[in-house]
């Protein structure tokens, strides 16, 4: 089983998103999955130009000479795509949006009806694989992921992919400080690892495992107070320089 994972956080492995992604991918490697992790920050991916050359003039190939030419074969071959992104203005990060937009060559311009809905035909040789989302949000509530989830589910329907769930970490900016203080949060990391194992061996992640990854770290009012204190301390430190 081939897994192609994208860490779309500008902070790469130093960000809060990676705290969940890293054990998740470790859990997938355990049963033998072949996992490749790429960082969009390190990739040169230009925005889609909307010219449709990849559909008409050079079917399946974009005219732009950037790192997508290296990625297209990998995307074709992978059984599972993993997208990891922080929530940016209710959606994905900019680099991840560029990546998704540039996947148009994987489809054909022709229409077909799938489940009674108008969709593009998948290009020959492309696998009907699975997609998993890993995301971190600075806001406390779970509903802040709703726009992002709706986008990813629509992306899967339009691309003939199977959305297999999401590991979501609300008020995730508190996770690393709590880890450094020795707070009891190891169950979250272990659940992320278990989710990876489940996906490879059972084909899905249990609702219980996903819920553990998303569990409350601290009450809402406390989180707001702690976050605001941290921001104020940062501002005060800058003013003293």
C-alpha atoms as a PDB file:
ATOM      1  CA  UNK A   1       0.000   0.000   0.000  1.00  0.00           C
ATOM      2  CA  UNK A   2       1.391   3.383  -1.052  1.00  0.00           C
ATOM      3  CA  UNK A   3       0.606   6.490   0.965  1.00  0.00           C
ATOM      4  CA  UNK A   4       1.378  10.002  -0.240  1.00  0.00           C
ATOM      5  CA  UNK A   5       1.182  12.574   2.559  1.00  0.00           C
ATOM      6  CA  UNK A   6       1.406  16.347   2.311  1.00  0.00           C
ATOM      7  CA  UNK A   7       2.235  18.560   5.273  1.00  0.00           C
ATOM      8  CA  UNK A   8       0.796  21.865   4.073  1.00  0.00           C
ATOM      9  CA  UNK A   9       1.700  23.898   7.148  1.00  0.00           C
ATOM     10  CA  UNK A  10       4.273  26.676   6.622  1.00  0.00           C
ATOM     11  CA  UNK A  11       5.786  25.599   9.939  1.00  0.00           C
ATOM     12  CA  UNK A  12       6.315  22.093   8.517  1.00  0.00           C
ATOM     13  CA  UNK A  13       7.388  19.633  11.246  1.00  0.00           C
ATOM     14  CA  UNK A  14       7.607  22.440  13.846  1.00  0.00           C
ATOM     15  CA  UNK A  15       3.891  23.243  13.702  1.00  0.00           C
ATOM     16  CA  UNK A  16       0.965  21.946  15.726  1.00  0.00           C
ATOM     17  CA  UNK A  17      -0.427  20.111  12.695  1.00  0.00           C
ATOM     18  CA  UNK A  18       2.668  17.886  12.636  1.00  0.00           C
ATOM     19  CA  UNK A  19       2.036  16.810  16.234  1.00  0.00           C
ATOM     20  CA  UNK A  20      -0.912  14.758  14.955  1.00  0.00           C
ATOM     21  CA  UNK A  21       0.405  13.946  11.487  1.00  0.00           C
ATOM     22  CA  UNK A  22       3.699  12.431  12.671  1.00  0.00           C
ATOM     23  CA  UNK A  23       2.243   9.665  14.892  1.00  0.00           C
ATOM     24  CA  UNK A  24      -0.539   9.075  12.341  1.00  0.00           C
ATOM     25  CA  UNK A  25       2.006   8.293   9.603  1.00  0.00           C
ATOM     26  CA  UNK A  26       4.030   6.229  12.068  1.00  0.00           C
ATOM     27  CA  UNK A  27       0.928   4.159  12.711  1.00  0.00           C
ATOM     28  CA  UNK A  28       0.507   3.579   8.987  1.00  0.00           C
ATOM     29  CA  UNK A  29       4.114   2.471   8.551  1.00  0.00           C
ATOM     30  CA  UNK A  30       3.773  -0.068  11.361  1.00  0.00           C
ATOM     31  CA  UNK A  31       1.657  -2.580   9.376  1.00  0.00           C
ATOM     32  CA  UNK A  32       3.874  -2.095   6.328  1.00  0.00           C
ATOM     33  CA  UNK A  33       2.460   0.862   4.383  1.00  0.00           C
ATOM     34  CA  UNK A  34       4.961   2.645   2.152  1.00  0.00           C
ATOM     35  CA  UNK A  35       4.644   6.280   3.259  1.00  0.00           C
ATOM     36  CA  UNK A  36       6.152   9.301   1.528  1.00  0.00           C
ATOM     37  CA  UNK A  37       5.853  12.678   3.250  1.00  0.00           C
ATOM     38  CA  UNK A  38       6.241  15.924   1.315  1.00  0.00           C
ATOM     39  CA  UNK A  39       6.179  19.527   2.544  1.00  0.00           C
ATOM     40  CA  UNK A  40       4.393  22.023   0.304  1.00  0.00           C
ATOM     41  CA  UNK A  41       6.650  24.788   1.632  1.00  0.00           C
ATOM     42  CA  UNK A  42       9.590  23.043  -0.027  1.00  0.00           C
ATOM     43  CA  UNK A  43       7.751  22.507  -3.321  1.00  0.00           C
ATOM     44  CA  UNK A  44       7.450  24.920  -6.207  1.00  0.00           C
ATOM     45  CA  UNK A  45       3.785  24.757  -7.187  1.00  0.00           C
ATOM     46  CA  UNK A  46       2.459  27.664  -9.219  1.00  0.00           C
ATOM     47  CA  UNK A  47      -1.231  28.613  -9.160  1.00  0.00           C
ATOM     48  CA  UNK A  48      -3.493  27.080 -11.790  1.00  0.00           C
ATOM     49  CA  UNK A  49      -3.886  29.452 -14.760  1.00  0.00           C
ATOM     50  CA  UNK A  50      -7.323  28.158 -15.782  1.00  0.00           C
ATOM     51  CA  UNK A  51      -6.197  27.735 -19.397  1.00  0.00           C
ATOM     52  CA  UNK A  52      -7.376  24.095 -19.717  1.00  0.00           C
ATOM     53  CA  UNK A  53      -4.291  23.183 -21.762  1.00  0.00           C
ATOM     54  CA  UNK A  54      -4.041  20.072 -19.573  1.00  0.00           C
ATOM     55  CA  UNK A  55      -7.448  18.990 -20.908  1.00  0.00           C
ATOM     56  CA  UNK A  56      -7.237  20.086 -24.518  1.00  0.00           C
ATOM     57  CA  UNK A  57      -3.774  20.827 -25.926  1.00  0.00           C
ATOM     58  CA  UNK A  58      -1.651  18.447 -23.824  1.00  0.00           C
ATOM     59  CA  UNK A  59      -4.114  16.028 -22.134  1.00  0.00           C
ATOM     60  CA  UNK A  60      -2.985  15.088 -18.644  1.00  0.00           C
ATOM     61  CA  UNK A  61      -0.030  17.476 -18.620  1.00  0.00           C
ATOM     62  CA  UNK A  62       0.138  21.068 -17.368  1.00  0.00           C
ATOM     63  CA  UNK A  63       2.202  23.529 -19.402  1.00  0.00           C
ATOM     64  CA  UNK A  64       3.869  24.883 -16.253  1.00  0.00           C
ATOM     65  CA  UNK A  65       7.321  23.512 -15.490  1.00  0.00           C
ATOM     66  CA  UNK A  66       7.322  23.120 -11.721  1.00  0.00           C
ATOM     67  CA  UNK A  67       7.222  20.391  -9.068  1.00  0.00           C
ATOM     68  CA  UNK A  68       3.751  19.196 -10.068  1.00  0.00           C
ATOM     69  CA  UNK A  69       5.412  17.313 -12.937  1.00  0.00           C
ATOM     70  CA  UNK A  70       7.187  15.248 -10.286  1.00  0.00           C
ATOM     71  CA  UNK A  71       4.004  14.835  -8.247  1.00  0.00           C
ATOM     72  CA  UNK A  72       1.572  13.658 -10.949  1.00  0.00           C
ATOM     73  CA  UNK A  73       3.037  10.109 -11.169  1.00  0.00           C
ATOM     74  CA  UNK A  74       3.094   9.845  -7.382  1.00  0.00           C
ATOM     75  CA  UNK A  75      -0.545  10.963  -7.154  1.00  0.00           C
ATOM     76  CA  UNK A  76      -1.530   8.413  -9.797  1.00  0.00           C
ATOM     77  CA  UNK A  77       0.167   5.554  -7.955  1.00  0.00           C
ATOM     78  CA  UNK A  78      -0.788   6.272  -4.328  1.00  0.00           C
ATOM     79  CA  UNK A  79      -3.565   4.270  -2.683  1.00  0.00           C
ATOM     80  CA  UNK A  80      -4.089   6.889   0.034  1.00  0.00           C
ATOM     81  CA  UNK A  81      -3.605  10.652  -0.020  1.00  0.00           C
ATOM     82  CA  UNK A  82      -3.132  12.385   3.323  1.00  0.00           C
ATOM     83  CA  UNK A  83      -3.550  16.157   3.472  1.00  0.00           C
ATOM     84  CA  UNK A  84      -2.426  17.916   6.651  1.00  0.00           C
ATOM     85  CA  UNK A  85      -3.206  21.602   7.033  1.00  0.00           C
ATOM     86  CA  UNK A  86      -3.932  24.167   9.724  1.00  0.00           C
ATOM     87  CA  UNK A  87      -7.249  25.958   9.359  1.00  0.00           C
ATOM     88  CA  UNK A  88      -6.554  29.196   7.476  1.00  0.00           C
ATOM     89  CA  UNK A  89      -9.490  31.636   7.314  1.00  0.00           C
ATOM     90  CA  UNK A  90     -12.000  28.749   7.510  1.00  0.00           C
ATOM     91  CA  UNK A  91     -10.222  26.677   4.853  1.00  0.00           C
ATOM     92  CA  UNK A  92      -6.953  25.115   3.753  1.00  0.00           C
ATOM     93  CA  UNK A  93      -3.578  26.840   3.644  1.00  0.00           C
ATOM     94  CA  UNK A  94      -2.650  28.669   0.439  1.00  0.00           C
ATOM     95  CA  UNK A  95      -0.006  26.139  -0.678  1.00  0.00           C
ATOM     96  CA  UNK A  96      -2.488  23.295  -0.225  1.00  0.00           C
ATOM     97  CA  UNK A  97      -5.087  25.101  -2.329  1.00  0.00           C
ATOM     98  CA  UNK A  98      -2.528  25.526  -5.116  1.00  0.00           C
ATOM     99  CA  UNK A  99      -1.743  21.818  -4.887  1.00  0.00           C
ATOM    100  CA  UNK A 100      -5.406  20.824  -5.126  1.00  0.00           C
ATOM    101  CA  UNK A 101      -6.128  23.234  -7.990  1.00  0.00           C
ATOM    102  CA  UNK A 102      -3.242  21.807  -9.985  1.00  0.00           C
ATOM    103  CA  UNK A 103      -4.703  18.286  -9.768  1.00  0.00           C
ATOM    104  CA  UNK A 104      -7.085  19.077 -12.640  1.00  0.00           C
ATOM    105  CA  UNK A 105      -4.924  17.099 -15.140  1.00  0.00           C
ATOM    106  CA  UNK A 106      -5.881  13.920 -13.241  1.00  0.00           C
ATOM    107  CA  UNK A 107      -9.372  14.368 -14.668  1.00  0.00           C
ATOM    108  CA  UNK A 108     -10.744  14.655 -18.195  1.00  0.00           C
ATOM    109  CA  UNK A 109     -12.925  17.511 -19.470  1.00  0.00           C
ATOM    110  CA  UNK A 110     -15.806  15.133 -20.259  1.00  0.00           C
ATOM    111  CA  UNK A 111     -18.803  14.867 -17.970  1.00  0.00           C
ATOM    112  CA  UNK A 112     -20.453  11.798 -16.530  1.00  0.00           C
ATOM    113  CA  UNK A 113     -23.213  11.225 -14.003  1.00  0.00           C
ATOM    114  CA  UNK A 114     -22.074   9.674 -10.740  1.00  0.00           C
ATOM    115  CA  UNK A 115     -24.809   9.120  -8.169  1.00  0.00           C
ATOM    116  CA  UNK A 116     -27.026  11.357 -10.282  1.00  0.00           C
ATOM    117  CA  UNK A 117     -24.585  14.263 -10.143  1.00  0.00           C
ATOM    118  CA  UNK A 118     -22.518  15.859 -12.907  1.00  0.00           C
ATOM    119  CA  UNK A 119     -18.795  15.053 -12.463  1.00  0.00           C
ATOM    120  CA  UNK A 120     -15.646  14.972 -14.581  1.00  0.00           C
ATOM    121  CA  UNK A 121     -14.385  11.640 -15.893  1.00  0.00           C
ATOM    122  CA  UNK A 122     -11.259  10.341 -14.137  1.00  0.00           C
ATOM    123  CA  UNK A 123      -8.251  10.002 -16.430  1.00  0.00           C
ATOM    124  CA  UNK A 124      -7.279   6.454 -17.320  1.00  0.00           C
ATOM    125  CA  UNK A 125      -4.652   4.924 -15.029  1.00  0.00           C
ATOM    126  CA  UNK A 126      -5.623   7.011 -11.995  1.00  0.00           C
ATOM    127  CA  UNK A 127      -6.474   5.025  -8.859  1.00  0.00           C
ATOM    128  CA  UNK A 128      -9.802   5.357  -7.088  1.00  0.00           C
ATOM    129  CA  UNK A 129      -8.087   5.652  -3.722  1.00  0.00           C
ATOM    130  CA  UNK A 130      -8.756   7.111  -0.297  1.00  0.00           C
ATOM    131  CA  UNK A 131      -8.243  10.574   1.165  1.00  0.00           C
ATOM    132  CA  UNK A 132      -7.668  11.483   4.816  1.00  0.00           C
ATOM    133  CA  UNK A 133      -7.505  14.950   6.347  1.00  0.00           C
ATOM    134  CA  UNK A 134      -5.366  15.942   9.328  1.00  0.00           C
ATOM    135  CA  UNK A 135      -6.003  19.438  10.624  1.00  0.00           C
ATOM    136  CA  UNK A 136      -5.260  21.763  13.515  1.00  0.00           C
ATOM    137  CA  UNK A 137      -7.235  24.846  14.504  1.00  0.00           C
ATOM    138  CA  UNK A 138      -6.416  27.632  16.940  1.00  0.00           C
ATOM    139  CA  UNK A 139     -10.082  28.170  17.792  1.00  0.00           C
ATOM    140  CA  UNK A 140     -11.583  26.036  20.554  1.00  0.00           C
ATOM    141  CA  UNK A 141     -14.770  24.698  18.936  1.00  0.00           C
ATOM    142  CA  UNK A 142     -15.020  21.703  16.586  1.00  0.00           C
ATOM    143  CA  UNK A 143     -17.433  23.482  14.228  1.00  0.00           C
ATOM    144  CA  UNK A 144     -14.541  25.641  13.001  1.00  0.00           C
ATOM    145  CA  UNK A 145     -13.562  22.631  10.880  1.00  0.00           C
ATOM    146  CA  UNK A 146     -16.949  22.468   9.110  1.00  0.00           C
ATOM    147  CA  UNK A 147     -16.046  24.578   6.014  1.00  0.00           C
ATOM    148  CA  UNK A 148     -12.778  22.685   5.599  1.00  0.00           C
ATOM    149  CA  UNK A 149     -14.524  19.317   5.902  1.00  0.00           C
ATOM    150  CA  UNK A 150     -17.176  20.340   3.373  1.00  0.00           C
ATOM    151  CA  UNK A 151     -14.436  21.364   0.935  1.00  0.00           C
ATOM    152  CA  UNK A 152     -12.494  18.115   1.303  1.00  0.00           C
ATOM    153  CA  UNK A 153     -15.596  15.949   0.933  1.00  0.00           C
ATOM    154  CA  UNK A 154     -16.589  17.834  -2.219  1.00  0.00           C
ATOM    155  CA  UNK A 155     -13.024  17.481  -3.538  1.00  0.00           C
ATOM    156  CA  UNK A 156     -13.272  13.703  -3.050  1.00  0.00           C
ATOM    157  CA  UNK A 157     -16.663  13.429  -4.729  1.00  0.00           C
ATOM    158  CA  UNK A 158     -15.483  15.435  -7.732  1.00  0.00           C
ATOM    159  CA  UNK A 159     -12.242  13.460  -8.000  1.00  0.00           C
ATOM    160  CA  UNK A 160     -13.817  10.021  -7.494  1.00  0.00           C
ATOM    161  CA  UNK A 161     -11.915   9.575  -4.242  1.00  0.00           C
ATOM    162  CA  UNK A 162     -13.187   7.969  -1.049  1.00  0.00           C
ATOM    163  CA  UNK A 163     -13.075  10.316   1.952  1.00  0.00           C
ATOM    164  CA  UNK A 164     -12.101   8.131   4.907  1.00  0.00           C
ATOM    165  CA  UNK A 165     -12.315  10.644   7.719  1.00  0.00           C
ATOM    166  CA  UNK A 166     -10.327  13.300   9.507  1.00  0.00           C
ATOM    167  CA  UNK A 167      -8.094  13.703  12.526  1.00  0.00           C
ATOM    168  CA  UNK A 168      -9.047  17.119  13.869  1.00  0.00           C
ATOM    169  CA  UNK A 169      -7.305  18.944  16.706  1.00  0.00           C
ATOM    170  CA  UNK A 170      -9.297  21.966  17.970  1.00  0.00           C
ATOM    171  CA  UNK A 171      -7.527  24.492  20.226  1.00  0.00           C
ATOM    172  CA  UNK A 172      -4.443  22.697  19.021  1.00  0.00           C
ATOM    173  CA  UNK A 173      -2.070  25.524  19.924  1.00  0.00           C
ATOM    174  CA  UNK A 174      -2.385  24.352  23.524  1.00  0.00           C
ATOM    175  CA  UNK A 175      -1.152  20.832  22.768  1.00  0.00           C
ATOM    176  CA  UNK A 176       2.594  21.467  22.520  1.00  0.00           C
ATOM    177  CA  UNK A 177       2.806  23.636  25.687  1.00  0.00           C
ATOM    178  CA  UNK A 178       0.838  20.990  27.576  1.00  0.00           C
ATOM    179  CA  UNK A 179       3.201  18.292  26.309  1.00  0.00           C
ATOM    180  CA  UNK A 180       6.199  20.346  27.451  1.00  0.00           C
ATOM    181  CA  UNK A 181       4.628  20.798  30.884  1.00  0.00           C
ATOM    182  CA  UNK A 182       4.104  17.050  31.205  1.00  0.00           C
ATOM    183  CA  UNK A 183       0.312  17.241  31.089  1.00  0.00           C
ATOM    184  CA  UNK A 184      -1.530  13.941  30.433  1.00  0.00           C
ATOM    185  CA  UNK A 185      -2.058  14.291  26.667  1.00  0.00           C
ATOM    186  CA  UNK A 186      -0.206  11.202  25.440  1.00  0.00           C
ATOM    187  CA  UNK A 187      -3.529   9.485  24.748  1.00  0.00           C
ATOM    188  CA  UNK A 188      -4.082  11.968  21.900  1.00  0.00           C
ATOM    189  CA  UNK A 189      -0.790  11.066  20.226  1.00  0.00           C
ATOM    190  CA  UNK A 190      -1.388   7.354  20.740  1.00  0.00           C
ATOM    191  CA  UNK A 191      -4.872   7.705  19.231  1.00  0.00           C
ATOM    192  CA  UNK A 192      -3.380   9.392  16.159  1.00  0.00           C
ATOM    193  CA  UNK A 193      -0.948   6.487  15.800  1.00  0.00           C
ATOM    194  CA  UNK A 194      -3.744   3.966  16.263  1.00  0.00           C
ATOM    195  CA  UNK A 195      -5.814   5.745  13.607  1.00  0.00           C
ATOM    196  CA  UNK A 196      -2.994   5.198  11.119  1.00  0.00           C
ATOM    197  CA  UNK A 197      -2.794   1.517  11.972  1.00  0.00           C
ATOM    198  CA  UNK A 198      -6.566   1.125  11.674  1.00  0.00           C
ATOM    199  CA  UNK A 199      -6.664   2.815   8.288  1.00  0.00           C
ATOM    200  CA  UNK A 200      -4.068   0.429   6.841  1.00  0.00           C
ATOM    201  CA  UNK A 201      -5.295  -2.792   8.449  1.00  0.00           C
ATOM    202  CA  UNK A 202      -9.048  -2.202   8.620  1.00  0.00           C
ATOM    203  CA  UNK A 203      -9.632   0.383   5.887  1.00  0.00           C
ATOM    204  CA  UNK A 204     -11.109   2.973   8.240  1.00  0.00           C
ATOM    205  CA  UNK A 205     -10.488   4.888  11.454  1.00  0.00           C
ATOM    206  CA  UNK A 206     -12.850   4.266  14.341  1.00  0.00           C
ATOM    207  CA  UNK A 207     -15.088   7.071  15.574  1.00  0.00           C
ATOM    208  CA  UNK A 208     -13.699   6.529  19.077  1.00  0.00           C
ATOM    209  CA  UNK A 209     -10.116   7.000  17.913  1.00  0.00           C
ATOM    210  CA  UNK A 210     -10.969  10.171  16.003  1.00  0.00           C
ATOM    211  CA  UNK A 211     -12.846  11.521  19.023  1.00  0.00           C
ATOM    212  CA  UNK A 212      -9.830  10.962  21.269  1.00  0.00           C
ATOM    213  CA  UNK A 213      -7.622  12.992  18.914  1.00  0.00           C
ATOM    214  CA  UNK A 214     -10.186  15.820  19.151  1.00  0.00           C
ATOM    215  CA  UNK A 215     -10.877  15.609  22.872  1.00  0.00           C
ATOM    216  CA  UNK A 216     -11.020  18.735  25.030  1.00  0.00           C
ATOM    217  CA  UNK A 217      -7.697  19.928  26.409  1.00  0.00           C
ATOM    218  CA  UNK A 218      -9.096  22.600  28.710  1.00  0.00           C
ATOM    219  CA  UNK A 219     -12.395  24.451  29.239  1.00  0.00           C
ATOM    220  CA  UNK A 220     -13.303  27.146  26.698  1.00  0.00           C
ATOM    221  CA  UNK A 221     -13.059  30.077  29.144  1.00  0.00           C
ATOM    222  CA  UNK A 222      -9.661  28.927  30.396  1.00  0.00           C
ATOM    223  CA  UNK A 223      -8.324  28.541  26.850  1.00  0.00           C
ATOM    224  CA  UNK A 224      -9.411  32.058  25.899  1.00  0.00           C
ATOM    225  CA  UNK A 225      -7.786  33.474  29.030  1.00  0.00           C
ATOM    226  CA  UNK A 226      -4.514  31.570  28.550  1.00  0.00           C
ATOM    227  CA  UNK A 227      -4.322  32.409  24.834  1.00  0.00           C
ATOM    228  CA  UNK A 228      -4.951  36.114  25.425  1.00  0.00           C
ATOM    229  CA  UNK A 229      -2.323  36.217  28.148  1.00  0.00           C
ATOM    230  CA  UNK A 230       0.177  34.640  25.800  1.00  0.00           C
ATOM    231  CA  UNK A 231      -0.560  37.134  23.025  1.00  0.00           C
ATOM    232  CA  UNK A 232      -0.281  40.063  25.460  1.00  0.00           C
ATOM    233  CA  UNK A 233       3.041  38.822  26.796  1.00  0.00           C
ATOM    234  CA  UNK A 234       4.359  38.547  23.235  1.00  0.00           C
ATOM    235  CA  UNK A 235       3.236  42.104  22.466  1.00  0.00           C
ATOM    236  CA  UNK A 236       4.787  43.429  25.676  1.00  0.00           C
ATOM    237  CA  UNK A 237       8.082  41.720  24.876  1.00  0.00           C
ATOM    238  CA  UNK A 238       8.163  43.316  21.408  1.00  0.00           C
ATOM    239  CA  UNK A 239       7.473  46.780  22.828  1.00  0.00           C
ATOM    240  CA  UNK A 240      10.468  46.459  25.173  1.00  0.00           C
ATOM    241  CA  UNK A 241      12.892  45.815  22.291  1.00  0.00           C
END
